[in-house]
Amino acid sequence: MTAPLLLQLGLPLLAEILGGALKKIEHPAAQGAATSLDALGDILALGRISPEQMAEAHRHAEKLAEMKLGEAQAAYQQINESLRAEVASPDAYVRRMRPTFGYLMALTWAAQMFAVAYVIVFRTDQSSLVIEAMESLGMIWGIGLSVLGVYVYQRSEEKKINVQSALPEQIKSRAILPSRKPISSLKLND
């Protein structure tokens, strides 16, 4: 009952919304897609596509989603293995590579921003050239900062795991808790 109702209401509405959005884009490919979505919406509204055909289309979409999920899981597994090898490495630099990369990124970014600020303030006539040159570096900075973001996120997760696993032992041994005296036994000089 729900599936035919969803097919009658949901997909035609989605096709109508996407078609309306694509009509506003002045490009032949967008206009062609909008026309196709309008035609699909009409066909779905008239019931010319059977629920069995829609179920088959959903099955194919689910299979594609499973394949994409498998690819993502394989990539995450590879990243996990490389991070484990990094943490287990006896070489100190392998463990310090992420902070080194972060400091280098911060240093180069600061140097670049100071240089741009200097040019904008003291060499105003050349500032447009420098700003345009900065624009062309956007992709390089995007990649570097993305890598740094992954490093920072991953290290934060590692710290959370280490803290959560160590915390119960420290609480049991009271290594992190100060000695507690009853409030009534406290004096002003304590």
N, C-alpha and C. Protein backbone atom coordinates (compact mmCIF):
# COMPACT_ATOMS: atom_id res chain seq x y z
N MET A 1 0.82 -1.19 0.00
CA MET A 1 0.00 0.00 0.00
C MET A 1 0.87 1.26 0.00
N THR A 2 1.91 1.27 0.84
CA THR A 2 2.75 2.45 0.94
C THR A 2 3.58 2.66 -0.32
N ALA A 3 4.14 1.58 -0.87
CA ALA A 3 5.00 1.72 -2.04
C ALA A 3 4.26 2.31 -3.24
N PRO A 4 3.07 1.83 -3.62
CA PRO A 4 2.38 2.47 -4.75
C PRO A 4 2.03 3.93 -4.46
N LEU A 5 1.66 4.23 -3.22
CA LEU A 5 1.33 5.61 -2.87
C LEU A 5 2.56 6.49 -2.98
N LEU A 6 3.72 5.99 -2.51
CA LEU A 6 4.95 6.74 -2.61
C LEU A 6 5.35 6.95 -4.07
N LEU A 7 5.16 5.91 -4.88
CA LEU A 7 5.47 6.04 -6.30
C LEU A 7 4.57 7.06 -6.98
N GLN A 8 3.31 7.11 -6.56
CA GLN A 8 2.38 8.05 -7.18
C GLN A 8 2.64 9.48 -6.74
N LEU A 9 3.05 9.69 -5.52
CA LEU A 9 3.22 11.05 -5.01
C LEU A 9 4.67 11.51 -4.99
N GLY A 10 5.58 10.68 -4.50
CA GLY A 10 6.95 11.11 -4.26
C GLY A 10 7.77 11.36 -5.50
N LEU A 11 7.83 10.38 -6.38
CA LEU A 11 8.67 10.51 -7.56
C LEU A 11 8.17 11.58 -8.52
N PRO A 12 6.87 11.70 -8.81
CA PRO A 12 6.43 12.81 -9.66
C PRO A 12 6.74 14.18 -9.05
N LEU A 13 6.60 14.30 -7.74
CA LEU A 13 6.92 15.56 -7.08
C LEU A 13 8.40 15.87 -7.19
N LEU A 14 9.23 14.86 -6.98
CA LEU A 14 10.68 15.03 -7.10
C LEU A 14 11.05 15.43 -8.53
N ALA A 15 10.47 14.77 -9.51
CA ALA A 15 10.74 15.11 -10.91
C ALA A 15 10.30 16.54 -11.21
N GLU A 16 9.18 16.95 -10.66
CA GLU A 16 8.68 18.32 -10.88
C GLU A 16 9.62 19.35 -10.25
N ILE A 17 10.08 19.09 -9.04
CA ILE A 17 10.97 20.03 -8.36
C ILE A 17 12.30 20.15 -9.09
N LEU A 18 12.89 18.99 -9.43
CA LEU A 18 14.17 19.02 -10.14
C LEU A 18 14.03 19.66 -11.52
N GLY A 19 12.95 19.33 -12.21
CA GLY A 19 12.72 19.92 -13.53
C GLY A 19 12.57 21.43 -13.45
N GLY A 20 11.83 21.91 -12.44
CA GLY A 20 11.67 23.35 -12.27
C GLY A 20 12.98 24.04 -11.96
N ALA A 21 13.82 23.40 -11.15
CA ALA A 21 15.13 23.99 -10.83
C ALA A 21 16.03 24.02 -12.05
N LEU A 22 16.00 22.95 -12.85
CA LEU A 22 16.86 22.90 -14.03
C LEU A 22 16.41 23.85 -15.13
N LYS A 23 15.12 24.18 -15.17
CA LYS A 23 14.63 25.11 -16.18
C LYS A 23 15.24 26.50 -16.01
N LYS A 24 15.63 26.83 -14.81
CA LYS A 24 16.18 28.16 -14.53
C LYS A 24 17.62 28.30 -14.98
N ILE A 25 18.28 27.18 -15.28
CA ILE A 25 19.67 27.21 -15.73
C ILE A 25 19.68 27.32 -17.24
N GLU A 26 20.37 28.33 -17.73
CA GLU A 26 20.41 28.57 -19.17
C GLU A 26 21.59 27.82 -19.78
N HIS A 27 21.39 26.53 -19.93
CA HIS A 27 22.38 25.67 -20.58
C HIS A 27 21.61 24.57 -21.30
N PRO A 28 22.05 24.19 -22.49
CA PRO A 28 21.29 23.17 -23.24
C PRO A 28 21.14 21.84 -22.50
N ALA A 29 22.17 21.42 -21.78
CA ALA A 29 22.07 20.15 -21.06
C ALA A 29 21.04 20.25 -19.93
N ALA A 30 21.03 21.37 -19.22
CA ALA A 30 20.06 21.56 -18.14
C ALA A 30 18.65 21.65 -18.70
N GLN A 31 18.48 22.32 -19.82
CA GLN A 31 17.16 22.44 -20.43
C GLN A 31 16.66 21.08 -20.91
N GLY A 32 17.56 20.28 -21.49
CA GLY A 32 17.20 18.93 -21.93
C GLY A 32 16.81 18.04 -20.76
N ALA A 33 17.56 18.14 -19.66
CA ALA A 33 17.23 17.36 -18.48
C ALA A 33 15.89 17.79 -17.90
N ALA A 34 15.62 19.11 -17.91
CA ALA A 34 14.34 19.61 -17.39
C ALA A 34 13.18 19.08 -18.23
N THR A 35 13.34 19.08 -19.54
CA THR A 35 12.30 18.54 -20.42
C THR A 35 12.07 17.06 -20.16
N SER A 36 13.17 16.32 -20.01
CA SER A 36 13.05 14.88 -19.73
C SER A 36 12.38 14.62 -18.39
N LEU A 37 12.71 15.42 -17.39
CA LEU A 37 12.08 15.24 -16.08
C LEU A 37 10.59 15.60 -16.12
N ASP A 38 10.23 16.61 -16.91
CA ASP A 38 8.81 16.94 -17.07
C ASP A 38 8.07 15.77 -17.71
N ALA A 39 8.68 15.19 -18.76
CA ALA A 39 8.06 14.04 -19.42
C ALA A 39 7.96 12.86 -18.46
N LEU A 40 9.00 12.62 -17.66
CA LEU A 40 8.97 11.54 -16.68
C LEU A 40 7.87 11.78 -15.65
N GLY A 41 7.76 13.02 -15.19
CA GLY A 41 6.71 13.35 -14.23
C GLY A 41 5.32 13.09 -14.79
N ASP A 42 5.12 13.45 -16.07
CA ASP A 42 3.82 13.19 -16.71
C ASP A 42 3.55 11.69 -16.82
N ILE A 43 4.57 10.94 -17.22
CA ILE A 43 4.42 9.48 -17.37
C ILE A 43 4.10 8.85 -16.02
N LEU A 44 4.79 9.29 -14.97
CA LEU A 44 4.53 8.74 -13.64
C LEU A 44 3.16 9.12 -13.14
N ALA A 45 2.75 10.37 -13.41
CA ALA A 45 1.44 10.83 -12.95
C ALA A 45 0.31 10.06 -13.63
N LEU A 46 0.52 9.68 -14.88
CA LEU A 46 -0.51 8.94 -15.62
C LEU A 46 -0.47 7.44 -15.31
N GLY A 47 0.54 7.00 -14.58
CA GLY A 47 0.62 5.58 -14.21
C GLY A 47 1.11 4.69 -15.33
N ARG A 48 1.87 5.23 -16.26
CA ARG A 48 2.37 4.42 -17.39
C ARG A 48 3.56 3.55 -17.00
N ILE A 49 4.15 3.81 -15.86
CA ILE A 49 5.24 2.95 -15.37
C ILE A 49 4.65 2.11 -14.24
N SER A 50 4.73 0.82 -14.42
CA SER A 50 4.11 -0.09 -13.45
C SER A 50 4.94 -0.14 -12.16
N PRO A 51 4.28 -0.51 -11.06
CA PRO A 51 5.02 -0.67 -9.80
C PRO A 51 6.13 -1.71 -9.90
N GLU A 52 5.94 -2.73 -10.73
CA GLU A 52 6.97 -3.75 -10.90
C GLU A 52 8.22 -3.15 -11.56
N GLN A 53 7.99 -2.29 -12.56
CA GLN A 53 9.13 -1.63 -13.22
C GLN A 53 9.85 -0.70 -12.24
N MET A 54 9.07 -0.01 -11.43
CA MET A 54 9.68 0.87 -10.43
C MET A 54 10.45 0.06 -9.39
N ALA A 55 9.90 -1.09 -8.99
CA ALA A 55 10.58 -1.94 -8.03
C ALA A 55 11.91 -2.44 -8.61
N GLU A 56 11.92 -2.77 -9.90
CA GLU A 56 13.16 -3.19 -10.56
C GLU A 56 14.17 -2.05 -10.60
N ALA A 57 13.69 -0.84 -10.87
CA ALA A 57 14.58 0.32 -10.87
C ALA A 57 15.16 0.56 -9.47
N HIS A 58 14.33 0.38 -8.45
CA HIS A 58 14.81 0.53 -7.07
C HIS A 58 15.85 -0.55 -6.74
N ARG A 59 15.61 -1.75 -7.24
CA ARG A 59 16.57 -2.83 -7.00
C ARG A 59 17.93 -2.50 -7.60
N HIS A 60 17.91 -1.95 -8.83
CA HIS A 60 19.16 -1.55 -9.46
C HIS A 60 19.83 -0.42 -8.68
N ALA A 61 19.05 0.53 -8.21
CA ALA A 61 19.60 1.65 -7.44
C ALA A 61 20.21 1.15 -6.13
N GLU A 62 19.55 0.19 -5.48
CA GLU A 62 20.07 -0.38 -4.25
C GLU A 62 21.38 -1.12 -4.51
N LYS A 63 21.44 -1.84 -5.63
CA LYS A 63 22.67 -2.56 -5.98
C LYS A 63 23.81 -1.57 -6.22
N LEU A 64 23.53 -0.46 -6.91
CA LEU A 64 24.56 0.56 -7.12
C LEU A 64 25.00 1.16 -5.80
N ALA A 65 24.05 1.41 -4.91
CA ALA A 65 24.39 1.97 -3.60
C ALA A 65 25.26 1.00 -2.81
N GLU A 66 24.95 -0.31 -2.88
CA GLU A 66 25.77 -1.32 -2.21
C GLU A 66 27.19 -1.34 -2.76
N MET A 67 27.31 -1.20 -4.09
CA MET A 67 28.64 -1.18 -4.70
C MET A 67 29.43 0.04 -4.23
N LYS A 68 28.78 1.20 -4.19
CA LYS A 68 29.45 2.42 -3.72
C LYS A 68 29.86 2.27 -2.26
N LEU A 69 28.99 1.68 -1.45
CA LEU A 69 29.30 1.46 -0.05
C LEU A 69 30.49 0.52 0.10
N GLY A 70 30.55 -0.50 -0.72
CA GLY A 70 31.68 -1.43 -0.69
C GLY A 70 32.98 -0.72 -1.04
N GLU A 71 32.93 0.18 -2.03
CA GLU A 71 34.12 0.94 -2.40
C GLU A 71 34.56 1.83 -1.24
N ALA A 72 33.60 2.49 -0.61
CA ALA A 72 33.93 3.37 0.52
C ALA A 72 34.50 2.57 1.68
N GLN A 73 33.93 1.39 1.96
CA GLN A 73 34.44 0.56 3.04
C GLN A 73 35.86 0.10 2.76
N ALA A 74 36.14 -0.25 1.52
CA ALA A 74 37.50 -0.67 1.16
C ALA A 74 38.48 0.49 1.34
N ALA A 75 38.07 1.68 0.94
CA ALA A 75 38.94 2.85 1.12
C ALA A 75 39.18 3.13 2.59
N TYR A 76 38.14 3.08 3.40
CA TYR A 76 38.29 3.33 4.83
C TYR A 76 39.16 2.26 5.48
N GLN A 77 39.02 1.02 5.04
CA GLN A 77 39.83 -0.05 5.58
C GLN A 77 41.31 0.19 5.26
N GLN A 78 41.60 0.64 4.05
CA GLN A 78 42.98 0.92 3.67
C GLN A 78 43.55 2.07 4.49
N ILE A 79 42.74 3.11 4.70
CA ILE A 79 43.18 4.24 5.52
C ILE A 79 43.44 3.79 6.94
N ASN A 80 42.55 2.97 7.46
CA ASN A 80 42.69 2.46 8.82
C ASN A 80 43.98 1.65 8.96
N GLU A 81 44.26 0.79 7.98
CA GLU A 81 45.47 -0.02 8.03
C GLU A 81 46.72 0.86 7.98
N SER A 82 46.71 1.89 7.13
CA SER A 82 47.89 2.75 7.04
C SER A 82 48.07 3.56 8.32
N LEU A 83 46.98 4.00 8.94
CA LEU A 83 47.10 4.73 10.20
C LEU A 83 47.60 3.82 11.32
N ARG A 84 47.15 2.58 11.33
CA ARG A 84 47.63 1.64 12.34
C ARG A 84 49.13 1.38 12.16
N ALA A 85 49.56 1.25 10.92
CA ALA A 85 50.99 1.06 10.66
C ALA A 85 51.78 2.29 11.09
N GLU A 86 51.20 3.47 10.88
CA GLU A 86 51.87 4.70 11.29
C GLU A 86 52.03 4.76 12.81
N VAL A 87 50.96 4.44 13.53
CA VAL A 87 51.00 4.50 14.99
C VAL A 87 51.96 3.44 15.54
N ALA A 88 51.99 2.27 14.94
CA ALA A 88 52.83 1.19 15.44
C ALA A 88 54.29 1.32 15.02
N SER A 89 54.59 2.28 14.18
CA SER A 89 55.95 2.42 13.67
C SER A 89 56.93 2.81 14.77
N PRO A 90 58.12 2.18 14.79
CA PRO A 90 59.12 2.57 15.78
C PRO A 90 59.82 3.88 15.40
N ASP A 91 59.69 4.30 14.16
CA ASP A 91 60.30 5.54 13.69
C ASP A 91 59.52 6.73 14.24
N ALA A 92 60.21 7.60 14.96
CA ALA A 92 59.54 8.74 15.60
C ALA A 92 58.97 9.70 14.56
N TYR A 93 59.65 9.86 13.42
CA TYR A 93 59.16 10.83 12.44
C TYR A 93 57.83 10.39 11.83
N VAL A 94 57.64 9.09 11.66
CA VAL A 94 56.37 8.62 11.10
C VAL A 94 55.22 9.05 12.00
N ARG A 95 55.43 8.98 13.32
CA ARG A 95 54.39 9.40 14.26
C ARG A 95 54.26 10.91 14.30
N ARG A 96 55.30 11.64 13.93
CA ARG A 96 55.26 13.10 14.00
C ARG A 96 55.00 13.76 12.66
N MET A 97 54.74 12.97 11.64
CA MET A 97 54.54 13.53 10.32
C MET A 97 53.31 14.43 10.27
N ARG A 98 52.21 14.03 10.90
CA ARG A 98 51.00 14.84 10.87
C ARG A 98 51.20 16.20 11.52
N PRO A 99 51.77 16.28 12.73
CA PRO A 99 51.98 17.61 13.29
C PRO A 99 52.95 18.45 12.46
N THR A 100 53.98 17.80 11.91
CA THR A 100 54.93 18.53 11.08
C THR A 100 54.23 19.12 9.86
N PHE A 101 53.40 18.32 9.23
CA PHE A 101 52.65 18.81 8.07
C PHE A 101 51.74 19.96 8.47
N GLY A 102 51.09 19.85 9.61
CA GLY A 102 50.21 20.92 10.09
C GLY A 102 50.97 22.20 10.35
N TYR A 103 52.12 22.11 11.01
CA TYR A 103 52.92 23.31 11.27
C TYR A 103 53.42 23.94 9.97
N LEU A 104 53.84 23.11 9.03
CA LEU A 104 54.30 23.65 7.75
C LEU A 104 53.17 24.34 6.99
N MET A 105 51.99 23.74 7.02
CA MET A 105 50.83 24.38 6.37
C MET A 105 50.52 25.72 7.02
N ALA A 106 50.53 25.76 8.35
CA ALA A 106 50.24 27.01 9.05
C ALA A 106 51.30 28.06 8.74
N LEU A 107 52.55 27.66 8.72
CA LEU A 107 53.64 28.59 8.44
C LEU A 107 53.55 29.15 7.03
N THR A 108 53.34 28.28 6.05
CA THR A 108 53.26 28.77 4.66
C THR A 108 52.01 29.60 4.43
N TRP A 109 50.91 29.24 5.05
CA TRP A 109 49.69 30.03 4.91
C TRP A 109 49.88 31.41 5.53
N ALA A 110 50.49 31.47 6.72
CA ALA A 110 50.74 32.76 7.37
C ALA A 110 51.68 33.61 6.53
N ALA A 111 52.74 33.02 5.99
CA ALA A 111 53.67 33.78 5.15
C ALA A 111 52.95 34.33 3.92
N GLN A 112 52.13 33.54 3.31
CA GLN A 112 51.40 33.99 2.14
C GLN A 112 50.43 35.11 2.49
N MET A 113 49.71 34.98 3.59
CA MET A 113 48.75 36.02 3.98
C MET A 113 49.45 37.33 4.36
N PHE A 114 50.61 37.24 5.03
CA PHE A 114 51.35 38.46 5.34
C PHE A 114 51.86 39.13 4.08
N ALA A 115 52.30 38.31 3.11
CA ALA A 115 52.77 38.88 1.84
C ALA A 115 51.63 39.57 1.11
N VAL A 116 50.47 38.96 1.07
CA VAL A 116 49.31 39.56 0.41
C VAL A 116 48.91 40.84 1.13
N ALA A 117 48.88 40.80 2.45
CA ALA A 117 48.52 42.00 3.21
C ALA A 117 49.52 43.12 2.95
N TYR A 118 50.80 42.78 2.89
CA TYR A 118 51.82 43.79 2.61
C TYR A 118 51.59 44.44 1.24
N VAL A 119 51.33 43.61 0.25
CA VAL A 119 51.12 44.14 -1.10
C VAL A 119 49.86 45.01 -1.14
N ILE A 120 48.80 44.59 -0.48
CA ILE A 120 47.56 45.36 -0.50
C ILE A 120 47.75 46.70 0.19
N VAL A 121 48.52 46.73 1.29
CA VAL A 121 48.68 47.98 2.04
C VAL A 121 49.73 48.88 1.41
N PHE A 122 50.89 48.34 1.04
CA PHE A 122 52.00 49.18 0.62
C PHE A 122 52.20 49.25 -0.89
N ARG A 123 51.71 48.33 -1.65
CA ARG A 123 51.84 48.34 -3.11
C ARG A 123 50.46 48.16 -3.73
N THR A 124 49.60 49.08 -3.46
CA THR A 124 48.20 48.99 -3.86
C THR A 124 48.03 48.81 -5.36
N ASP A 125 48.90 49.40 -6.16
CA ASP A 125 48.77 49.29 -7.61
C ASP A 125 48.96 47.87 -8.12
N GLN A 126 49.66 47.04 -7.37
CA GLN A 126 49.89 45.64 -7.78
C GLN A 126 48.97 44.65 -7.07
N SER A 127 48.09 45.15 -6.23
CA SER A 127 47.27 44.24 -5.42
C SER A 127 46.33 43.38 -6.27
N SER A 128 45.81 43.93 -7.38
CA SER A 128 44.90 43.11 -8.20
C SER A 128 45.62 41.91 -8.80
N LEU A 129 46.88 42.09 -9.19
CA LEU A 129 47.64 40.96 -9.74
C LEU A 129 47.89 39.89 -8.67
N VAL A 130 48.19 40.33 -7.47
CA VAL A 130 48.47 39.38 -6.40
C VAL A 130 47.20 38.63 -6.01
N ILE A 131 46.08 39.32 -5.95
CA ILE A 131 44.82 38.66 -5.60
C ILE A 131 44.42 37.66 -6.67
N GLU A 132 44.63 38.00 -7.94
CA GLU A 132 44.34 37.04 -9.01
C GLU A 132 45.28 35.83 -8.93
N ALA A 133 46.54 36.07 -8.58
CA ALA A 133 47.48 34.96 -8.44
C ALA A 133 47.07 34.07 -7.27
N MET A 134 46.57 34.68 -6.20
CA MET A 134 46.08 33.90 -5.06
C MET A 134 44.93 32.99 -5.47
N GLU A 135 44.08 33.49 -6.33
CA GLU A 135 42.93 32.71 -6.78
C GLU A 135 43.39 31.42 -7.47
N SER A 136 44.47 31.50 -8.21
CA SER A 136 44.95 30.31 -8.91
C SER A 136 45.57 29.29 -7.97
N LEU A 137 45.90 29.71 -6.75
CA LEU A 137 46.44 28.78 -5.76
C LEU A 137 45.36 28.09 -4.95
N GLY A 138 44.11 28.43 -5.20
CA GLY A 138 43.01 27.89 -4.41
C GLY A 138 42.95 26.38 -4.42
N MET A 139 43.19 25.76 -5.55
CA MET A 139 43.10 24.30 -5.63
C MET A 139 44.22 23.65 -4.81
N ILE A 140 45.42 24.20 -4.88
CA ILE A 140 46.53 23.64 -4.12
C ILE A 140 46.24 23.74 -2.62
N TRP A 141 45.76 24.92 -2.19
CA TRP A 141 45.44 25.09 -0.78
C TRP A 141 44.27 24.19 -0.38
N GLY A 142 43.32 24.02 -1.26
CA GLY A 142 42.18 23.16 -0.96
C GLY A 142 42.62 21.73 -0.69
N ILE A 143 43.53 21.22 -1.50
CA ILE A 143 44.02 19.86 -1.32
C ILE A 143 44.82 19.75 -0.02
N GLY A 144 45.75 20.68 0.18
CA GLY A 144 46.57 20.64 1.38
C GLY A 144 45.76 20.76 2.66
N LEU A 145 44.80 21.68 2.66
CA LEU A 145 43.98 21.87 3.85
C LEU A 145 43.02 20.69 4.06
N SER A 146 42.61 20.05 2.98
CA SER A 146 41.77 18.85 3.13
C SER A 146 42.56 17.74 3.79
N VAL A 147 43.80 17.54 3.35
CA VAL A 147 44.65 16.52 3.97
C VAL A 147 44.87 16.86 5.44
N LEU A 148 45.14 18.13 5.72
CA LEU A 148 45.33 18.54 7.11
C LEU A 148 44.07 18.31 7.93
N GLY A 149 42.92 18.59 7.35
CA GLY A 149 41.66 18.35 8.05
C GLY A 149 41.46 16.89 8.39
N VAL A 150 41.79 16.01 7.45
CA VAL A 150 41.69 14.57 7.72
C VAL A 150 42.66 14.18 8.82
N TYR A 151 43.87 14.71 8.78
CA TYR A 151 44.85 14.42 9.83
C TYR A 151 44.34 14.85 11.20
N VAL A 152 43.84 16.08 11.28
CA VAL A 152 43.36 16.60 12.57
C VAL A 152 42.17 15.79 13.06
N TYR A 153 41.23 15.51 12.18
CA TYR A 153 40.05 14.73 12.58
C TYR A 153 40.46 13.35 13.06
N GLN A 154 41.36 12.70 12.32
CA GLN A 154 41.77 11.35 12.69
C GLN A 154 42.50 11.36 14.02
N ARG A 155 43.36 12.35 14.24
CA ARG A 155 44.08 12.41 15.51
C ARG A 155 43.13 12.68 16.66
N SER A 156 42.13 13.51 16.43
CA SER A 156 41.14 13.77 17.47
C SER A 156 40.40 12.49 17.83
N GLU A 157 40.05 11.69 16.84
CA GLU A 157 39.38 10.43 17.11
C GLU A 157 40.29 9.48 17.88
N GLU A 158 41.58 9.45 17.53
CA GLU A 158 42.52 8.59 18.24
C GLU A 158 42.63 9.00 19.70
N LYS A 159 42.65 10.30 19.94
CA LYS A 159 42.74 10.78 21.32
C LYS A 159 41.49 10.42 22.10
N LYS A 160 40.33 10.54 21.48
CA LYS A 160 39.08 10.17 22.16
C LYS A 160 39.11 8.70 22.55
N ILE A 161 39.56 7.86 21.65
CA ILE A 161 39.60 6.42 21.92
C ILE A 161 40.59 6.15 23.05
N ASN A 162 41.77 6.79 23.02
CA ASN A 162 42.77 6.57 24.06
C ASN A 162 42.27 7.07 25.41
N VAL A 163 41.62 8.21 25.45
CA VAL A 163 41.12 8.76 26.71
C VAL A 163 40.01 7.87 27.25
N GLN A 164 39.10 7.44 26.40
CA GLN A 164 37.99 6.61 26.86
C GLN A 164 38.48 5.26 27.39
N SER A 165 39.51 4.70 26.77
CA SER A 165 40.00 3.40 27.24
C SER A 165 40.83 3.55 28.50
N ALA A 166 41.51 4.68 28.70
CA ALA A 166 42.35 4.86 29.88
C ALA A 166 41.59 5.40 31.07
N LEU A 167 40.50 6.07 30.85
CA LEU A 167 39.77 6.73 31.92
C LEU A 167 39.28 5.78 33.00
N PRO A 168 38.65 4.65 32.69
CA PRO A 168 38.19 3.77 33.77
C PRO A 168 39.32 3.26 34.66
N GLU A 169 40.48 2.96 34.09
CA GLU A 169 41.60 2.48 34.89
C GLU A 169 42.08 3.57 35.83
N GLN A 170 42.13 4.81 35.34
CA GLN A 170 42.60 5.90 36.18
C GLN A 170 41.61 6.21 37.29
N ILE A 171 40.35 6.08 37.00
CA ILE A 171 39.35 6.32 38.03
C ILE A 171 39.45 5.25 39.10
N LYS A 172 39.65 4.01 38.67
CA LYS A 172 39.76 2.92 39.64
C LYS A 172 40.96 3.12 40.55
N SER A 173 42.07 3.56 39.99
CA SER A 173 43.26 3.74 40.80
C SER A 173 43.29 5.11 41.48
N ARG A 174 42.31 5.95 41.19
CA ARG A 174 42.20 7.30 41.74
C ARG A 174 43.44 8.13 41.43
N ALA A 175 44.09 7.83 40.31
CA ALA A 175 45.29 8.57 39.94
C ALA A 175 44.97 9.98 39.50
N ILE A 176 43.78 10.19 38.97
CA ILE A 176 43.46 11.53 38.48
C ILE A 176 42.54 12.30 39.41
N LEU A 177 42.03 11.62 40.44
CA LEU A 177 41.12 12.30 41.35
C LEU A 177 41.88 12.83 42.56
N PRO A 178 41.64 14.07 42.95
CA PRO A 178 42.32 14.60 44.14
C PRO A 178 41.76 13.92 45.39
N SER A 179 42.53 14.00 46.45
CA SER A 179 42.02 13.44 47.69
C SER A 179 40.86 14.29 48.17
N ARG A 180 39.84 13.64 48.63
CA ARG A 180 38.65 14.37 49.05
C ARG A 180 38.49 14.25 50.56
N LYS A 181 38.26 15.37 51.15
CA LYS A 181 38.01 15.39 52.58
C LYS A 181 36.55 15.79 52.77
N PRO A 182 35.95 15.32 53.80
CA PRO A 182 34.58 15.78 54.08
C PRO A 182 34.57 17.28 54.30
N ILE A 183 33.51 17.93 53.85
CA ILE A 183 33.41 19.38 53.96
C ILE A 183 33.52 19.83 55.41
N SER A 184 33.00 19.06 56.33
CA SER A 184 33.03 19.46 57.75
C SER A 184 34.45 19.46 58.30
N SER A 185 35.37 18.69 57.70
CA SER A 185 36.74 18.64 58.22
C SER A 185 37.65 19.68 57.61
N LEU A 186 37.18 20.45 56.65
CA LEU A 186 38.00 21.45 56.00
C LEU A 186 38.16 22.67 56.88
N LYS A 187 39.36 23.19 56.92
CA LYS A 187 39.63 24.42 57.66
C LYS A 187 40.03 25.48 56.63
N LEU A 188 40.01 26.69 57.04
CA LEU A 188 40.35 27.77 56.12
C LEU A 188 41.81 27.70 55.69
N ASN A 189 42.68 27.13 56.48
CA ASN A 189 44.10 27.08 56.13
C ASN A 189 44.41 25.90 55.22
N ASP A 190 43.50 24.96 55.03
CA ASP A 190 43.77 23.78 54.19
C ASP A 190 43.93 24.14 52.76
